[in-house]
Amino acid sequence: MTPDDLSAFRRARLLLVLAAAGEPVDAERLGVYEFLAGQPLLLARADDDPDRTALRLAGFDDRTVAYASPAQRYVTAQLSLGRDLAALVNRGLIAVTVAGRVKYALTEEGTGMAGRFTAMYAQSYITAVRIVVRRLRRLSGRKLRENLRQCLLPVPVKDVP
């Protein structure tokens, strides 16, 4: 079992994403942000990417062993997104707004809860969320999906000495 298998872990991450976004976010964009913040080196792949150092210092490592491809991990994450959002709405931690699309935003109680996460992982995750949101916020839905597709492609294996 991985932390991603635990509903409380996934829901806490969604609260942190919404806190960092600072504005209502639709489910598709929220799912992309949440997934890439958990694996931000998929977005900052190039060795000369300016965000890569900050992510590495936050504890993210692209040498981590994973037993599924990024695409498989993304699809698996999306399977629980609707359930997790419904649970957070039910608990009064996020609110639903409709303005063209259904969007989610933190309630006052959700903001308070997100602010109480103090674990080192939460701090690292917040660093990643801020980078992901900054890089993807202004993309249209089509561009966001194109960017995600690029992130989900297999990472080229570097020559091993």
C-alpha atoms as a PDB file:
ATOM      1  CA  MET A   1       0.000   0.000   0.000  1.00  0.00           C
ATOM      2  CA  THR A   2       1.215   3.494  -0.856  1.00  0.00           C
ATOM      3  CA  PRO A   3       0.146   6.794   0.729  1.00  0.00           C
ATOM      4  CA  ASP A   4      -1.872   7.489  -2.441  1.00  0.00           C
ATOM      5  CA  ASP A   5      -4.065   4.530  -1.496  1.00  0.00           C
ATOM      6  CA  LEU A   6      -5.186   6.341   1.676  1.00  0.00           C
ATOM      7  CA  SER A   7      -8.188   8.612   1.218  1.00  0.00           C
ATOM      8  CA  ALA A   8      -7.129  10.964   4.053  1.00  0.00           C
ATOM      9  CA  PHE A   9      -3.743  11.494   2.364  1.00  0.00           C
ATOM     10  CA  ARG A  10      -5.277  12.235  -1.046  1.00  0.00           C
ATOM     11  CA  ARG A  11      -7.860  14.580   0.453  1.00  0.00           C
ATOM     12  CA  ALA A  12      -5.235  16.478   2.444  1.00  0.00           C
ATOM     13  CA  ARG A  13      -3.271  16.990  -0.758  1.00  0.00           C
ATOM     14  CA  LEU A  14      -6.380  18.357  -2.497  1.00  0.00           C
ATOM     15  CA  LEU A  15      -6.824  20.879   0.321  1.00  0.00           C
ATOM     16  CA  LEU A  16      -3.201  21.982  -0.087  1.00  0.00           C
ATOM     17  CA  VAL A  17      -3.641  22.368  -3.850  1.00  0.00           C
ATOM     18  CA  LEU A  18      -6.756  24.490  -3.423  1.00  0.00           C
ATOM     19  CA  ALA A  19      -4.992  26.610  -0.793  1.00  0.00           C
ATOM     20  CA  ALA A  20      -2.058  27.243  -3.138  1.00  0.00           C
ATOM     21  CA  ALA A  21      -4.308  27.937  -6.132  1.00  0.00           C
ATOM     22  CA  GLY A  22      -6.061  30.691  -4.222  1.00  0.00           C
ATOM     23  CA  GLU A  23      -9.048  30.614  -6.562  1.00  0.00           C
ATOM     24  CA  PRO A  24     -11.791  28.170  -7.559  1.00  0.00           C
ATOM     25  CA  VAL A  25     -10.479  25.337  -9.744  1.00  0.00           C
ATOM     26  CA  ASP A  26     -12.378  22.860 -11.927  1.00  0.00           C
ATOM     27  CA  ALA A  27     -11.963  19.132 -11.328  1.00  0.00           C
ATOM     28  CA  GLU A  28      -9.832  18.494 -14.420  1.00  0.00           C
ATOM     29  CA  ARG A  29      -7.303  21.200 -13.555  1.00  0.00           C
ATOM     30  CA  LEU A  30      -7.364  20.253  -9.861  1.00  0.00           C
ATOM     31  CA  GLY A  31      -6.577  16.632 -10.748  1.00  0.00           C
ATOM     32  CA  VAL A  32      -3.663  17.678 -12.959  1.00  0.00           C
ATOM     33  CA  TYR A  33      -2.266  20.042 -10.324  1.00  0.00           C
ATOM     34  CA  GLU A  34      -2.576  17.418  -7.572  1.00  0.00           C
ATOM     35  CA  PHE A  35      -0.934  14.689  -9.630  1.00  0.00           C
ATOM     36  CA  LEU A  36       1.973  16.781 -10.911  1.00  0.00           C
ATOM     37  CA  ALA A  37       2.614  18.310  -7.486  1.00  0.00           C
ATOM     38  CA  GLY A  38       3.096  14.785  -6.160  1.00  0.00           C
ATOM     39  CA  GLN A  39       5.580  14.068  -8.958  1.00  0.00           C
ATOM     40  CA  PRO A  40       6.814  17.526  -9.947  1.00  0.00           C
ATOM     41  CA  LEU A  41       9.981  16.351 -11.653  1.00  0.00           C
ATOM     42  CA  LEU A  42       7.734  15.065 -14.448  1.00  0.00           C
ATOM     43  CA  LEU A  43       7.050  18.757 -15.150  1.00  0.00           C
ATOM     44  CA  ALA A  44      10.576  20.007 -14.463  1.00  0.00           C
ATOM     45  CA  ARG A  45      12.443  17.269 -16.349  1.00  0.00           C
ATOM     46  CA  ALA A  46      15.306  19.162 -17.924  1.00  0.00           C
ATOM     47  CA  ASP A  47      18.525  19.332 -15.920  1.00  0.00           C
ATOM     48  CA  ASP A  48      18.671  23.082 -16.571  1.00  0.00           C
ATOM     49  CA  ASP A  49      15.045  23.735 -15.554  1.00  0.00           C
ATOM     50  CA  PRO A  50      15.133  26.612 -13.044  1.00  0.00           C
ATOM     51  CA  ASP A  51      12.523  24.946 -10.778  1.00  0.00           C
ATOM     52  CA  ARG A  52      14.385  21.642 -10.607  1.00  0.00           C
ATOM     53  CA  THR A  53      16.814  22.769  -7.887  1.00  0.00           C
ATOM     54  CA  ALA A  54      14.013  24.022  -5.620  1.00  0.00           C
ATOM     55  CA  LEU A  55      12.174  20.726  -6.078  1.00  0.00           C
ATOM     56  CA  ARG A  56      15.276  18.669  -5.370  1.00  0.00           C
ATOM     57  CA  LEU A  57      15.947  20.736  -2.227  1.00  0.00           C
ATOM     58  CA  ALA A  58      12.341  20.088  -1.179  1.00  0.00           C
ATOM     59  CA  GLY A  59      13.116  16.360  -1.292  1.00  0.00           C
ATOM     60  CA  PHE A  60      11.809  15.258  -4.678  1.00  0.00           C
ATOM     61  CA  ASP A  61      13.970  12.771  -6.525  1.00  0.00           C
ATOM     62  CA  ASP A  62      13.487  11.386 -10.018  1.00  0.00           C
ATOM     63  CA  ARG A  63      15.363   8.223  -9.112  1.00  0.00           C
ATOM     64  CA  THR A  64      12.502   7.034  -6.917  1.00  0.00           C
ATOM     65  CA  VAL A  65      11.361   3.526  -7.700  1.00  0.00           C
ATOM     66  CA  ALA A  66       7.856   3.373  -9.146  1.00  0.00           C
ATOM     67  CA  TYR A  67       6.104   0.222 -10.236  1.00  0.00           C
ATOM     68  CA  ALA A  68       3.751   1.921 -12.670  1.00  0.00           C
ATOM     69  CA  SER A  69       4.295   4.352 -15.488  1.00  0.00           C
ATOM     70  CA  PRO A  70       3.377   8.001 -14.934  1.00  0.00           C
ATOM     71  CA  ALA A  71       0.346   7.527 -17.207  1.00  0.00           C
ATOM     72  CA  GLN A  72      -0.874   4.564 -15.144  1.00  0.00           C
ATOM     73  CA  ARG A  73      -0.371   6.514 -11.906  1.00  0.00           C
ATOM     74  CA  TYR A  74      -2.312   9.473 -13.332  1.00  0.00           C
ATOM     75  CA  VAL A  75      -5.264   7.329 -14.396  1.00  0.00           C
ATOM     76  CA  THR A  76      -5.334   5.635 -10.998  1.00  0.00           C
ATOM     77  CA  ALA A  77      -5.304   9.028  -9.254  1.00  0.00           C
ATOM     78  CA  GLN A  78      -8.218  10.250 -11.367  1.00  0.00           C
ATOM     79  CA  LEU A  79     -10.332   7.244 -10.381  1.00  0.00           C
ATOM     80  CA  SER A  80     -10.628   8.493  -6.796  1.00  0.00           C
ATOM     81  CA  LEU A  81     -10.798  12.249  -7.506  1.00  0.00           C
ATOM     82  CA  GLY A  82     -14.603  12.501  -7.713  1.00  0.00           C
ATOM     83  CA  ARG A  83     -15.085  10.506  -4.517  1.00  0.00           C
ATOM     84  CA  ASP A  84     -12.496  12.602  -2.681  1.00  0.00           C
ATOM     85  CA  LEU A  85     -14.043  15.895  -3.830  1.00  0.00           C
ATOM     86  CA  ALA A  86     -17.507  14.705  -2.780  1.00  0.00           C
ATOM     87  CA  ALA A  87     -16.187  13.743   0.665  1.00  0.00           C
ATOM     88  CA  LEU A  88     -14.518  17.145   1.118  1.00  0.00           C
ATOM     89  CA  VAL A  89     -17.713  18.947   0.051  1.00  0.00           C
ATOM     90  CA  ASN A  90     -19.727  16.755   2.427  1.00  0.00           C
ATOM     91  CA  ARG A  91     -17.409  17.665   5.335  1.00  0.00           C
ATOM     92  CA  GLY A  92     -17.745  21.365   4.541  1.00  0.00           C
ATOM     93  CA  LEU A  93     -14.054  21.777   3.687  1.00  0.00           C
ATOM     94  CA  ILE A  94     -14.609  22.807   0.075  1.00  0.00           C
ATOM     95  CA  ALA A  95     -17.487  24.513  -1.665  1.00  0.00           C
ATOM     96  CA  VAL A  96     -18.794  24.059  -5.187  1.00  0.00           C
ATOM     97  CA  THR A  97     -19.429  27.024  -7.462  1.00  0.00           C
ATOM     98  CA  VAL A  98     -20.836  27.007 -10.968  1.00  0.00           C
ATOM     99  CA  ALA A  99     -19.599  29.672 -13.362  1.00  0.00           C
ATOM    100  CA  GLY A 100     -19.467  28.031 -16.770  1.00  0.00           C
ATOM    101  CA  ARG A 101     -17.828  24.971 -15.232  1.00  0.00           C
ATOM    102  CA  VAL A 102     -18.173  23.359 -11.832  1.00  0.00           C
ATOM    103  CA  LYS A 103     -15.327  24.671  -9.683  1.00  0.00           C
ATOM    104  CA  TYR A 104     -14.087  23.900  -6.205  1.00  0.00           C
ATOM    105  CA  ALA A 105     -12.728  26.298  -3.593  1.00  0.00           C
ATOM    106  CA  LEU A 106     -11.775  26.029   0.058  1.00  0.00           C
ATOM    107  CA  THR A 107     -14.271  27.067   2.682  1.00  0.00           C
ATOM    108  CA  GLU A 108     -13.092  28.930   5.764  1.00  0.00           C
ATOM    109  CA  GLU A 109     -12.924  25.608   7.616  1.00  0.00           C
ATOM    110  CA  GLY A 110     -10.967  24.038   4.733  1.00  0.00           C
ATOM    111  CA  THR A 111      -8.507  26.927   4.732  1.00  0.00           C
ATOM    112  CA  GLY A 112      -7.988  26.474   8.456  1.00  0.00           C
ATOM    113  CA  MET A 113      -7.396  22.758   8.087  1.00  0.00           C
ATOM    114  CA  ALA A 114      -4.960  23.201   5.182  1.00  0.00           C
ATOM    115  CA  GLY A 115      -3.022  25.696   7.293  1.00  0.00           C
ATOM    116  CA  ARG A 116      -2.593  23.165  10.094  1.00  0.00           C
ATOM    117  CA  PHE A 117      -0.646  20.615   8.031  1.00  0.00           C
ATOM    118  CA  THR A 118       2.921  20.873   9.326  1.00  0.00           C
ATOM    119  CA  ALA A 119       4.586  17.603   8.326  1.00  0.00           C
ATOM    120  CA  MET A 120       7.761  17.874   6.256  1.00  0.00           C
ATOM    121  CA  TYR A 121       5.962  16.165   3.380  1.00  0.00           C
ATOM    122  CA  ALA A 122       3.256  18.869   3.478  1.00  0.00           C
ATOM    123  CA  GLN A 123       5.916  21.581   3.293  1.00  0.00           C
ATOM    124  CA  SER A 124       7.619  19.861   0.349  1.00  0.00           C
ATOM    125  CA  TYR A 125       4.297  19.291  -1.355  1.00  0.00           C
ATOM    126  CA  ILE A 126       3.344  22.963  -0.947  1.00  0.00           C
ATOM    127  CA  THR A 127       6.619  23.933  -2.639  1.00  0.00           C
ATOM    128  CA  ALA A 128       5.751  21.644  -5.544  1.00  0.00           C
ATOM    129  CA  VAL A 129       2.129  22.839  -5.737  1.00  0.00           C
ATOM    130  CA  ARG A 130       3.221  26.463  -5.960  1.00  0.00           C
ATOM    131  CA  ILE A 131       5.567  25.662  -8.834  1.00  0.00           C
ATOM    132  CA  VAL A 132       2.973  23.556 -10.656  1.00  0.00           C
ATOM    133  CA  VAL A 133       0.220  26.161 -10.263  1.00  0.00           C
ATOM    134  CA  ARG A 134       2.533  28.995 -11.339  1.00  0.00           C
ATOM    135  CA  ARG A 135       3.549  27.099 -14.467  1.00  0.00           C
ATOM    136  CA  LEU A 136       0.114  25.805 -15.470  1.00  0.00           C
ATOM    137  CA  ARG A 137      -2.413  28.372 -14.176  1.00  0.00           C
ATOM    138  CA  ARG A 138      -2.621  30.439 -17.353  1.00  0.00           C
ATOM    139  CA  LEU A 139      -2.859  27.505 -19.777  1.00  0.00           C
ATOM    140  CA  SER A 140      -6.135  26.871 -21.558  1.00  0.00           C
ATOM    141  CA  GLY A 141      -7.756  23.489 -21.012  1.00  0.00           C
ATOM    142  CA  ARG A 142      -6.363  22.237 -24.329  1.00  0.00           C
ATOM    143  CA  LYS A 143      -2.844  23.443 -23.551  1.00  0.00           C
ATOM    144  CA  LEU A 144      -3.075  21.967 -20.048  1.00  0.00           C
ATOM    145  CA  ARG A 145      -3.935  18.545 -21.510  1.00  0.00           C
ATOM    146  CA  GLU A 146      -1.092  18.821 -24.067  1.00  0.00           C
ATOM    147  CA  ASN A 147       1.342  19.722 -21.302  1.00  0.00           C
ATOM    148  CA  LEU A 148       0.121  16.795 -19.190  1.00  0.00           C
ATOM    149  CA  ARG A 149       0.596  14.404 -22.135  1.00  0.00           C
ATOM    150  CA  GLN A 150       4.220  15.531 -22.428  1.00  0.00           C
ATOM    151  CA  CYS A 151       4.750  14.988 -18.706  1.00  0.00           C
ATOM    152  CA  LEU A 152       3.319  11.474 -18.911  1.00  0.00           C
ATOM    153  CA  LEU A 153       5.667  10.353 -21.678  1.00  0.00           C
ATOM    154  CA  PRO A 154       8.393   7.965 -20.547  1.00  0.00           C
ATOM    155  CA  VAL A 155      11.505   9.711 -19.323  1.00  0.00           C
ATOM    156  CA  PRO A 156      14.488   8.955 -21.559  1.00  0.00           C
ATOM    157  CA  VAL A 157      17.018   6.769 -19.790  1.00  0.00           C
ATOM    158  CA  LYS A 158      20.369   8.476 -19.429  1.00  0.00           C
ATOM    159  CA  ASP A 159      23.536   6.626 -20.249  1.00  0.00           C
ATOM    160  CA  VAL A 160      24.761   4.637 -17.296  1.00  0.00           C
ATOM    161  CA  PRO A 161      28.556   4.714 -16.898  1.00  0.00           C
END
